[in-house]
Amino acid sequence: SFCWEHRPEQAAEAAPEENTTCLICLDPVGDRKSYGTM
């Protein structure tokens, strides 16, 4: 287990394009990778 500061990060350098939606719920995912966006 890891706290927020030491948790693993995804290595992919990709960033979502504008208006990208979640493939599951179809809501917007934001403009970058984050803890809540994968």
PDB file of all heavy atoms in Angstrom:
ATOM      1  N   SER A   1       0.845  -1.194   0.000  1.00  0.00           N
ATOM      2  CA  SER A   1       0.000   0.000   0.000  1.00  0.00           C
ATOM      3  C   SER A   1       0.876   1.237   0.000  1.00  0.00           C
ATOM      4  O   SER A   1       1.973   1.234   0.560  1.00  0.00           O
ATOM      5  CB  SER A   1      -0.909   0.016   1.229  1.00  0.00           C
ATOM      6  OG  SER A   1      -1.807  -1.061   1.186  1.00  0.00           O
ATOM      7  N   PHE A   2       0.361   2.295  -0.620  1.00  0.00           N
ATOM      8  CA  PHE A   2       1.117   3.536  -0.737  1.00  0.00           C
ATOM      9  C   PHE A   2       0.211   4.726  -0.463  1.00  0.00           C
ATOM     10  O   PHE A   2      -0.947   4.740  -0.877  1.00  0.00           O
ATOM     11  CB  PHE A   2       1.700   3.682  -2.150  1.00  0.00           C
ATOM     12  CG  PHE A   2       2.586   2.541  -2.545  1.00  0.00           C
ATOM     13  CD1 PHE A   2       2.076   1.438  -3.199  1.00  0.00           C
ATOM     14  CD2 PHE A   2       3.948   2.572  -2.249  1.00  0.00           C
ATOM     15  CE1 PHE A   2       2.894   0.381  -3.561  1.00  0.00           C
ATOM     16  CE2 PHE A   2       4.765   1.518  -2.610  1.00  0.00           C
ATOM     17  CZ  PHE A   2       4.246   0.418  -3.265  1.00  0.00           C
ATOM     18  N   CYS A   3       0.770   5.744   0.189  1.00  0.00           N
ATOM     19  CA  CYS A   3       0.030   6.982   0.415  1.00  0.00           C
ATOM     20  C   CYS A   3      -0.020   7.778  -0.888  1.00  0.00           C
ATOM     21  O   CYS A   3       0.604   7.403  -1.883  1.00  0.00           O
ATOM     22  CB  CYS A   3       0.701   7.803   1.518  1.00  0.00           C
ATOM     23  SG  CYS A   3       2.308   8.505   1.057  1.00  0.00           S
ATOM     24  N   TRP A   4      -0.723   8.902  -0.871  1.00  0.00           N
ATOM     25  CA  TRP A   4      -0.886   9.721  -2.073  1.00  0.00           C
ATOM     26  C   TRP A   4       0.452  10.212  -2.619  1.00  0.00           C
ATOM     27  O   TRP A   4       0.605  10.371  -3.823  1.00  0.00           O
ATOM     28  CB  TRP A   4      -1.802  10.908  -1.784  1.00  0.00           C
ATOM     29  CG  TRP A   4      -1.224  11.848  -0.755  1.00  0.00           C
ATOM     30  CD1 TRP A   4      -1.389  11.791   0.601  1.00  0.00           C
ATOM     31  CD2 TRP A   4      -0.362  12.949  -1.005  1.00  0.00           C
ATOM     32  NE1 TRP A   4      -0.676  12.793   1.210  1.00  0.00           N
ATOM     33  CE2 TRP A   4      -0.039  13.523   0.239  1.00  0.00           C
ATOM     34  CE3 TRP A   4       0.172  13.512  -2.149  1.00  0.00           C
ATOM     35  CZ2 TRP A   4       0.793  14.628   0.369  1.00  0.00           C
ATOM     36  CZ3 TRP A   4       1.002  14.620  -2.030  1.00  0.00           C
ATOM     37  CH2 TRP A   4       1.302  15.156  -0.765  1.00  0.00           C
ATOM     38  N   GLU A   5       1.424  10.437  -1.757  1.00  0.00           N
ATOM     39  CA  GLU A   5       2.702  10.978  -2.204  1.00  0.00           C
ATOM     40  C   GLU A   5       3.610   9.926  -2.853  1.00  0.00           C
ATOM     41  O   GLU A   5       4.384  10.229  -3.749  1.00  0.00           O
ATOM     42  CB  GLU A   5       3.433  11.609  -1.024  1.00  0.00           C
ATOM     43  CG  GLU A   5       4.693  12.347  -1.417  1.00  0.00           C
ATOM     44  CD  GLU A   5       5.364  13.048  -0.252  1.00  0.00           C
ATOM     45  OE1 GLU A   5       4.859  12.980   0.895  1.00  0.00           O
ATOM     46  OE2 GLU A   5       6.414  13.658  -0.494  1.00  0.00           O
ATOM     47  N   HIS A   6       3.489   8.673  -2.430  1.00  0.00           N
ATOM     48  CA  HIS A   6       4.390   7.613  -2.891  1.00  0.00           C
ATOM     49  C   HIS A   6       3.714   6.575  -3.785  1.00  0.00           C
ATOM     50  O   HIS A   6       4.353   5.599  -4.163  1.00  0.00           O
ATOM     51  CB  HIS A   6       5.014   6.922  -1.677  1.00  0.00           C
ATOM     52  CG  HIS A   6       5.774   7.866  -0.814  1.00  0.00           C
ATOM     53  ND1 HIS A   6       5.379   8.172   0.474  1.00  0.00           N
ATOM     54  CD2 HIS A   6       6.877   8.614  -1.069  1.00  0.00           C
ATOM     55  CE1 HIS A   6       6.235   9.042   0.982  1.00  0.00           C
ATOM     56  NE2 HIS A   6       7.147   9.337   0.069  1.00  0.00           N
ATOM     57  N   ARG A   7       2.479   6.784  -4.130  1.00  0.00           N
ATOM     58  CA  ARG A   7       1.756   5.803  -4.949  1.00  0.00           C
ATOM     59  C   ARG A   7       2.376   5.692  -6.350  1.00  0.00           C
ATOM     60  O   ARG A   7       2.977   6.658  -6.851  1.00  0.00           O
ATOM     61  CB  ARG A   7       0.287   6.182  -5.063  1.00  0.00           C
ATOM     62  CG  ARG A   7       0.067   7.425  -5.886  1.00  0.00           C
ATOM     63  CD  ARG A   7      -1.397   7.792  -5.962  1.00  0.00           C
ATOM     64  NE  ARG A   7      -1.539   9.003  -6.749  1.00  0.00           N
ATOM     65  CZ  ARG A   7      -2.269  10.044  -6.403  1.00  0.00           C
ATOM     66  NH1 ARG A   7      -2.952  10.020  -5.288  1.00  0.00           N
ATOM     67  NH2 ARG A   7      -2.338  11.094  -7.186  1.00  0.00           N
ATOM     68  N   PRO A   8       2.235   4.539  -6.990  1.00  0.00           N
ATOM     69  CA  PRO A   8       2.750   4.396  -8.360  1.00  0.00           C
ATOM     70  C   PRO A   8       1.945   5.262  -9.323  1.00  0.00           C
ATOM     71  O   PRO A   8       0.758   5.500  -9.112  1.00  0.00           O
ATOM     72  CB  PRO A   8       2.563   2.909  -8.666  1.00  0.00           C
ATOM     73  CG  PRO A   8       1.562   2.418  -7.695  1.00  0.00           C
ATOM     74  CD  PRO A   8       1.624   3.309  -6.496  1.00  0.00           C
ATOM     75  N   GLU A   9       2.618   5.732 -10.348  1.00  0.00           N
ATOM     76  CA  GLU A   9       1.971   6.544 -11.388  1.00  0.00           C
ATOM     77  C   GLU A   9       2.023   5.773 -12.702  1.00  0.00           C
ATOM     78  O   GLU A   9       2.956   5.010 -12.926  1.00  0.00           O
ATOM     79  CB  GLU A   9       2.707   7.879 -11.561  1.00  0.00           C
ATOM     80  CG  GLU A   9       2.751   8.747 -10.322  1.00  0.00           C
ATOM     81  CD  GLU A   9       1.439   9.438 -10.024  1.00  0.00           C
ATOM     82  OE1 GLU A   9       0.658   9.664 -10.974  1.00  0.00           O
ATOM     83  OE2 GLU A   9       1.189   9.751  -8.846  1.00  0.00           O
ATOM     84  N   GLN A  10       1.064   5.988 -13.562  1.00  0.00           N
ATOM     85  CA  GLN A  10       1.093   5.361 -14.870  1.00  0.00           C
ATOM     86  C   GLN A  10       2.247   5.944 -15.683  1.00  0.00           C
ATOM     87  O   GLN A  10       2.471   7.156 -15.683  1.00  0.00           O
ATOM     88  CB  GLN A  10      -0.229   5.568 -15.608  1.00  0.00           C
ATOM     89  CG  GLN A  10      -1.331   4.687 -15.048  1.00  0.00           C
ATOM     90  CD  GLN A  10      -2.497   4.627 -16.000  1.00  0.00           C
ATOM     91  OE1 GLN A  10      -3.284   5.548 -16.060  1.00  0.00           O
ATOM     92  NE2 GLN A  10      -2.587   3.536 -16.742  1.00  0.00           N
ATOM     93  N   ALA A  11       2.963   5.083 -16.390  1.00  0.00           N
ATOM     94  CA  ALA A  11       4.131   5.506 -17.167  1.00  0.00           C
ATOM     95  C   ALA A  11       3.739   6.182 -18.476  1.00  0.00           C
ATOM     96  O   ALA A  11       4.515   6.939 -19.037  1.00  0.00           O
ATOM     97  CB  ALA A  11       5.026   4.309 -17.450  1.00  0.00           C
ATOM     98  N   ALA A  12       2.558   5.918 -18.976  1.00  0.00           N
ATOM     99  CA  ALA A  12       2.125   6.476 -20.268  1.00  0.00           C
ATOM    100  C   ALA A  12       2.180   8.000 -20.227  1.00  0.00           C
ATOM    101  O   ALA A  12       1.666   8.626 -19.307  1.00  0.00           O
ATOM    102  CB  ALA A  12       0.714   6.018 -20.602  1.00  0.00           C
ATOM    103  N   GLU A  13       2.795   8.580 -21.230  1.00  0.00           N
ATOM    104  CA  GLU A  13       2.909  10.038 -21.313  1.00  0.00           C
ATOM    105  C   GLU A  13       1.714  10.660 -22.037  1.00  0.00           C
ATOM    106  O   GLU A  13       1.669  11.861 -22.228  1.00  0.00           O
ATOM    107  CB  GLU A  13       4.211  10.424 -22.030  1.00  0.00           C
ATOM    108  CG  GLU A  13       5.458  10.059 -21.246  1.00  0.00           C
ATOM    109  CD  GLU A  13       5.540  10.760 -19.905  1.00  0.00           C
ATOM    110  OE1 GLU A  13       5.155  11.940 -19.811  1.00  0.00           O
ATOM    111  OE2 GLU A  13       5.978  10.112 -18.936  1.00  0.00           O
ATOM    112  N   ALA A  14       0.782   9.859 -22.467  1.00  0.00           N
ATOM    113  CA  ALA A  14      -0.373  10.353 -23.213  1.00  0.00           C
ATOM    114  C   ALA A  14      -1.234  11.261 -22.346  1.00  0.00           C
ATOM    115  O   ALA A  14      -1.284  11.123 -21.137  1.00  0.00           O
ATOM    116  CB  ALA A  14      -1.210   9.179 -23.710  1.00  0.00           C
ATOM    117  N   ALA A  15      -1.891  12.187 -22.996  1.00  0.00           N
ATOM    118  CA  ALA A  15      -2.861  13.059 -22.330  1.00  0.00           C
ATOM    119  C   ALA A  15      -4.149  12.970 -23.136  1.00  0.00           C
ATOM    120  O   ALA A  15      -4.110  12.834 -24.360  1.00  0.00           O
ATOM    121  CB  ALA A  15      -2.362  14.494 -22.287  1.00  0.00           C
ATOM    122  N   PRO A  16      -5.291  13.002 -22.467  1.00  0.00           N
ATOM    123  CA  PRO A  16      -6.540  12.895 -23.223  1.00  0.00           C
ATOM    124  C   PRO A  16      -6.752  14.104 -24.130  1.00  0.00           C
ATOM    125  O   PRO A  16      -6.395  15.222 -23.781  1.00  0.00           O
ATOM    126  CB  PRO A  16      -7.619  12.822 -22.140  1.00  0.00           C
ATOM    127  CG  PRO A  16      -6.987  13.322 -20.901  1.00  0.00           C
ATOM    128  CD  PRO A  16      -5.513  13.142 -21.035  1.00  0.00           C
ATOM    129  N   GLU A  17      -7.300  13.841 -25.295  1.00  0.00           N
ATOM    130  CA  GLU A  17      -7.631  14.940 -26.192  1.00  0.00           C
ATOM    131  C   GLU A  17      -8.802  15.715 -25.606  1.00  0.00           C
ATOM    132  O   GLU A  17      -9.496  15.237 -24.722  1.00  0.00           O
ATOM    133  CB  GLU A  17      -8.004  14.380 -27.571  1.00  0.00           C
ATOM    134  CG  GLU A  17      -6.846  13.683 -28.264  1.00  0.00           C
ATOM    135  CD  GLU A  17      -7.256  13.044 -29.580  1.00  0.00           C
ATOM    136  OE1 GLU A  17      -8.387  13.301 -30.052  1.00  0.00           O
ATOM    137  OE2 GLU A  17      -6.450  12.282 -30.115  1.00  0.00           O
ATOM    138  N   GLU A  18      -9.031  16.894 -26.116  1.00  0.00           N
ATOM    139  CA  GLU A  18     -10.121  17.720 -25.620  1.00  0.00           C
ATOM    140  C   GLU A  18     -11.446  16.977 -25.781  1.00  0.00           C
ATOM    141  O   GLU A  18     -11.681  16.314 -26.789  1.00  0.00           O
ATOM    142  CB  GLU A  18     -10.161  19.044 -26.403  1.00  0.00           C
ATOM    143  CG  GLU A  18     -11.051  20.081 -25.767  1.00  0.00           C
ATOM    144  CD  GLU A  18     -10.954  21.427 -26.468  1.00  0.00           C
ATOM    145  OE1 GLU A  18      -9.925  21.681 -27.134  1.00  0.00           O
ATOM    146  OE2 GLU A  18     -11.899  22.204 -26.342  1.00  0.00           O
ATOM    147  N   ASN A  19     -12.292  17.076 -24.777  1.00  0.00           N
ATOM    148  CA  ASN A  19     -13.620  16.452 -24.751  1.00  0.00           C
ATOM    149  C   ASN A  19     -13.579  14.927 -24.750  1.00  0.00           C
ATOM    150  O   ASN A  19     -14.538  14.278 -25.161  1.00  0.00           O
ATOM    151  CB  ASN A  19     -14.486  16.948 -25.911  1.00  0.00           C
ATOM    152  CG  ASN A  19     -14.691  18.445 -25.875  1.00  0.00           C
ATOM    153  OD1 ASN A  19     -14.864  19.029 -24.802  1.00  0.00           O
ATOM    154  ND2 ASN A  19     -14.652  19.078 -27.032  1.00  0.00           N
ATOM    155  N   THR A  20     -12.488  14.322 -24.288  1.00  0.00           N
ATOM    156  CA  THR A  20     -12.415  12.866 -24.173  1.00  0.00           C
ATOM    157  C   THR A  20     -13.338  12.412 -23.056  1.00  0.00           C
ATOM    158  O   THR A  20     -13.390  13.021 -21.986  1.00  0.00           O
ATOM    159  CB  THR A  20     -10.971  12.412 -23.880  1.00  0.00           C
ATOM    160  OG1 THR A  20     -10.141  12.821 -24.958  1.00  0.00           O
ATOM    161  CG2 THR A  20     -10.887  10.909 -23.717  1.00  0.00           C
ATOM    162  N   THR A  21     -14.059  11.331 -23.313  1.00  0.00           N
ATOM    163  CA  THR A  21     -14.984  10.800 -22.317  1.00  0.00           C
ATOM    164  C   THR A  21     -14.543   9.415 -21.852  1.00  0.00           C
ATOM    165  O   THR A  21     -13.836   8.706 -22.559  1.00  0.00           O
ATOM    166  CB  THR A  21     -16.416  10.709 -22.878  1.00  0.00           C
ATOM    167  OG1 THR A  21     -16.414   9.855 -24.017  1.00  0.00           O
ATOM    168  CG2 THR A  21     -16.957  12.071 -23.246  1.00  0.00           C
ATOM    169  N   CYS A  22     -14.985   9.056 -20.683  1.00  0.00           N
ATOM    170  CA  CYS A  22     -14.752   7.725 -20.128  1.00  0.00           C
ATOM    171  C   CYS A  22     -15.487   6.717 -21.005  1.00  0.00           C
ATOM    172  O   CYS A  22     -16.665   6.905 -21.312  1.00  0.00           O
ATOM    173  CB  CYS A  22     -15.265   7.679 -18.695  1.00  0.00           C
ATOM    174  SG  CYS A  22     -15.256   6.046 -17.927  1.00  0.00           S
ATOM    175  N   LEU A  23     -14.802   5.650 -21.400  1.00  0.00           N
ATOM    176  CA  LEU A  23     -15.425   4.650 -22.262  1.00  0.00           C
ATOM    177  C   LEU A  23     -16.514   3.858 -21.559  1.00  0.00           C
ATOM    178  O   LEU A  23     -17.286   3.174 -22.211  1.00  0.00           O
ATOM    179  CB  LEU A  23     -14.364   3.670 -22.786  1.00  0.00           C
ATOM    180  CG  LEU A  23     -13.385   4.236 -23.796  1.00  0.00           C
ATOM    181  CD1 LEU A  23     -12.430   3.153 -24.256  1.00  0.00           C
ATOM    182  CD2 LEU A  23     -14.103   4.841 -24.977  1.00  0.00           C
ATOM    183  N   ILE A  24     -16.584   3.976 -20.253  1.00  0.00           N
ATOM    184  CA  ILE A  24     -17.572   3.209 -19.499  1.00  0.00           C
ATOM    185  C   ILE A  24     -18.804   4.044 -19.161  1.00  0.00           C
ATOM    186  O   ILE A  24     -19.925   3.653 -19.459  1.00  0.00           O
ATOM    187  CB  ILE A  24     -16.924   2.609 -18.243  1.00  0.00           C
ATOM    188  CG1 ILE A  24     -15.780   1.671 -18.681  1.00  0.00           C
ATOM    189  CG2 ILE A  24     -17.944   1.865 -17.390  1.00  0.00           C
ATOM    190  CD1 ILE A  24     -14.839   1.265 -17.591  1.00  0.00           C
ATOM    191  N   CYS A  25     -18.608   5.228 -18.576  1.00  0.00           N
ATOM    192  CA  CYS A  25     -19.764   6.046 -18.166  1.00  0.00           C
ATOM    193  C   CYS A  25     -20.082   7.174 -19.145  1.00  0.00           C
ATOM    194  O   CYS A  25     -21.118   7.811 -19.029  1.00  0.00           O
ATOM    195  CB  CYS A  25     -19.529   6.623 -16.775  1.00  0.00           C
ATOM    196  SG  CYS A  25     -18.298   7.949 -16.705  1.00  0.00           S
ATOM    197  N   LEU A  26     -19.169   7.449 -20.075  1.00  0.00           N
ATOM    198  CA  LEU A  26     -19.315   8.485 -21.100  1.00  0.00           C
ATOM    199  C   LEU A  26     -19.293   9.916 -20.552  1.00  0.00           C
ATOM    200  O   LEU A  26     -19.656  10.844 -21.254  1.00  0.00           O
ATOM    201  CB  LEU A  26     -20.568   8.242 -21.952  1.00  0.00           C
ATOM    202  CG  LEU A  26     -20.626   6.882 -22.637  1.00  0.00           C
ATOM    203  CD1 LEU A  26     -21.932   6.727 -23.403  1.00  0.00           C
ATOM    204  CD2 LEU A  26     -19.431   6.690 -23.555  1.00  0.00           C
ATOM    205  N   ASP A  27     -18.847  10.093 -19.308  1.00  0.00           N
ATOM    206  CA  ASP A  27     -18.642  11.430 -18.750  1.00  0.00           C
ATOM    207  C   ASP A  27     -17.223  11.894 -19.083  1.00  0.00           C
ATOM    208  O   ASP A  27     -16.336  11.064 -19.301  1.00  0.00           O
ATOM    209  CB  ASP A  27     -18.831  11.414 -17.228  1.00  0.00           C
ATOM    210  CG  ASP A  27     -20.292  11.338 -16.821  1.00  0.00           C
ATOM    211  OD1 ASP A  27     -21.160  11.654 -17.660  1.00  0.00           O
ATOM    212  OD2 ASP A  27     -20.561  10.959 -15.661  1.00  0.00           O
ATOM    213  N   PRO A  28     -16.968  13.195 -19.110  1.00  0.00           N
ATOM    214  CA  PRO A  28     -15.618  13.699 -19.414  1.00  0.00           C
ATOM    215  C   PRO A  28     -14.583  13.190 -18.403  1.00  0.00           C
ATOM    216  O   PRO A  28     -14.888  13.034 -17.218  1.00  0.00           O
ATOM    217  CB  PRO A  28     -15.752  15.213 -19.304  1.00  0.00           C
ATOM    218  CG  PRO A  28     -17.211  15.491 -19.432  1.00  0.00           C
ATOM    219  CD  PRO A  28     -17.931  14.284 -18.908  1.00  0.00           C
ATOM    220  N   VAL A  29     -13.360  12.939 -18.877  1.00  0.00           N
ATOM    221  CA  VAL A  29     -12.291  12.451 -17.995  1.00  0.00           C
ATOM    222  C   VAL A  29     -11.326  13.549 -17.569  1.00  0.00           C
ATOM    223  O   VAL A  29     -10.431  13.301 -16.780  1.00  0.00           O
ATOM    224  CB  VAL A  29     -11.480  11.302 -18.641  1.00  0.00           C
ATOM    225  CG1 VAL A  29     -12.322  10.069 -18.810  1.00  0.00           C
ATOM    226  CG2 VAL A  29     -10.851  11.734 -19.942  1.00  0.00           C
ATOM    227  N   GLY A  30     -11.467  14.727 -18.083  1.00  0.00           N
ATOM    228  CA  GLY A  30     -10.538  15.803 -17.746  1.00  0.00           C
ATOM    229  C   GLY A  30      -9.456  15.919 -18.804  1.00  0.00           C
ATOM    230  O   GLY A  30      -9.508  15.272 -19.843  1.00  0.00           O
ATOM    231  N   ASP A  31      -8.439  16.704 -18.500  1.00  0.00           N
ATOM    232  CA  ASP A  31      -7.423  16.979 -19.513  1.00  0.00           C
ATOM    233  C   ASP A  31      -6.071  16.324 -19.244  1.00  0.00           C
ATOM    234  O   ASP A  31      -5.099  16.609 -19.913  1.00  0.00           O
ATOM    235  CB  ASP A  31      -7.239  18.488 -19.667  1.00  0.00           C
ATOM    236  CG  ASP A  31      -6.806  19.162 -18.375  1.00  0.00           C
ATOM    237  OD1 ASP A  31      -6.732  18.476 -17.329  1.00  0.00           O
ATOM    238  OD2 ASP A  31      -6.532  20.374 -18.415  1.00  0.00           O
ATOM    239  N   ARG A  32      -6.003  15.443 -18.217  1.00  0.00           N
ATOM    240  CA  ARG A  32      -4.723  14.801 -17.914  1.00  0.00           C
ATOM    241  C   ARG A  32      -4.932  13.519 -17.114  1.00  0.00           C
ATOM    242  O   ARG A  32      -6.003  13.284 -16.566  1.00  0.00           O
ATOM    243  CB  ARG A  32      -3.821  15.752 -17.140  1.00  0.00           C
ATOM    244  CG  ARG A  32      -4.404  16.141 -15.799  1.00  0.00           C
ATOM    245  CD  ARG A  32      -3.508  17.139 -15.070  1.00  0.00           C
ATOM    246  NE  ARG A  32      -4.176  17.661 -13.907  1.00  0.00           N
ATOM    247  CZ  ARG A  32      -4.182  17.071 -12.719  1.00  0.00           C
ATOM    248  NH1 ARG A  32      -3.568  15.932 -12.540  1.00  0.00           N
ATOM    249  NH2 ARG A  32      -4.818  17.614 -11.708  1.00  0.00           N
ATOM    250  N   LYS A  33      -3.865  12.731 -17.043  1.00  0.00           N
ATOM    251  CA  LYS A  33      -3.838  11.567 -16.169  1.00  0.00           C
ATOM    252  C   LYS A  33      -3.873  12.046 -14.737  1.00  0.00           C
ATOM    253  O   LYS A  33      -3.260  13.059 -14.414  1.00  0.00           O
ATOM    254  CB  LYS A  33      -2.519  10.815 -16.352  1.00  0.00           C
ATOM    255  CG  LYS A  33      -2.527   9.630 -17.176  1.00  0.00           C
ATOM    256  CD  LYS A  33      -1.182   8.916 -17.174  1.00  0.00           C
ATOM    257  CE  LYS A  33      -0.015   9.766 -16.744  1.00  0.00           C
ATOM    258  NZ  LYS A  33       1.280   9.218 -17.004  1.00  0.00           N
ATOM    259  N   SER A  34      -4.550  11.333 -13.885  1.00  0.00           N
ATOM    260  CA  SER A  34      -4.579  11.689 -12.471  1.00  0.00           C
ATOM    261  C   SER A  34      -4.930  10.432 -11.681  1.00  0.00           C
ATOM    262  O   SER A  34      -5.106   9.358 -12.264  1.00  0.00           O
ATOM    263  CB  SER A  34      -5.629  12.777 -12.214  1.00  0.00           C
ATOM    264  OG  SER A  34      -6.925  12.271 -12.418  1.00  0.00           O
ATOM    265  N   TYR A  35      -5.064  10.583 -10.382  1.00  0.00           N
ATOM    266  CA  TYR A  35      -5.463   9.436  -9.564  1.00  0.00           C
ATOM    267  C   TYR A  35      -6.815   8.900 -10.021  1.00  0.00           C
ATOM    268  O   TYR A  35      -7.015   7.709 -10.115  1.00  0.00           O
ATOM    269  CB  TYR A  35      -5.530   9.848  -8.088  1.00  0.00           C
ATOM    270  CG  TYR A  35      -6.026   8.746  -7.187  1.00  0.00           C
ATOM    271  CD1 TYR A  35      -5.203   7.679  -6.872  1.00  0.00           C
ATOM    272  CD2 TYR A  35      -7.316   8.770  -6.667  1.00  0.00           C
ATOM    273  CE1 TYR A  35      -5.649   6.655  -6.049  1.00  0.00           C
ATOM    274  CE2 TYR A  35      -7.764   7.754  -5.844  1.00  0.00           C
ATOM    275  CZ  TYR A  35      -6.932   6.697  -5.539  1.00  0.00           C
ATOM    276  OH  TYR A  35      -7.375   5.689  -4.735  1.00  0.00           O
ATOM    277  N   GLY A  36      -7.731   9.789 -10.351  1.00  0.00           N
ATOM    278  CA  GLY A  36      -9.082   9.390 -10.735  1.00  0.00           C
ATOM    279  C   GLY A  36      -9.271   9.125 -12.212  1.00  0.00           C
ATOM    280  O   GLY A  36     -10.322   8.654 -12.632  1.00  0.00           O
ATOM    281  N   THR A  37      -8.268   9.418 -13.035  1.00  0.00           N
ATOM    282  CA  THR A  37      -8.354   9.233 -14.479  1.00  0.00           C
ATOM    283  C   THR A  37      -7.213   8.344 -14.937  1.00  0.00           C
ATOM    284  O   THR A  37      -6.055   8.618 -14.622  1.00  0.00           O
ATOM    285  CB  THR A  37      -8.257  10.594 -15.199  1.00  0.00           C
ATOM    286  OG1 THR A  37      -9.319  11.424 -14.739  1.00  0.00           O
ATOM    287  CG2 THR A  37      -8.369  10.429 -16.694  1.00  0.00           C
ATOM    288  N   MET A  38      -7.535   7.285 -15.667  1.00  0.00           N
ATOM    289  CA  MET A  38      -6.526   6.321 -16.085  1.00  0.00           C
ATOM    290  C   MET A  38      -6.609   6.071 -17.587  1.00  0.00           C
ATOM    291  O   MET A  38      -7.627   6.351 -18.211  1.00  0.00           O
ATOM    292  CB  MET A  38      -6.719   5.021 -15.314  1.00  0.00           C
ATOM    293  CG  MET A  38      -6.667   5.228 -13.809  1.00  0.00           C
ATOM    294  SD  MET A  38      -7.122   3.783 -12.881  1.00  0.00           S
ATOM    295  CE  MET A  38      -5.608   2.872 -12.991  1.00  0.00           C
TER     296      MET A  38
END
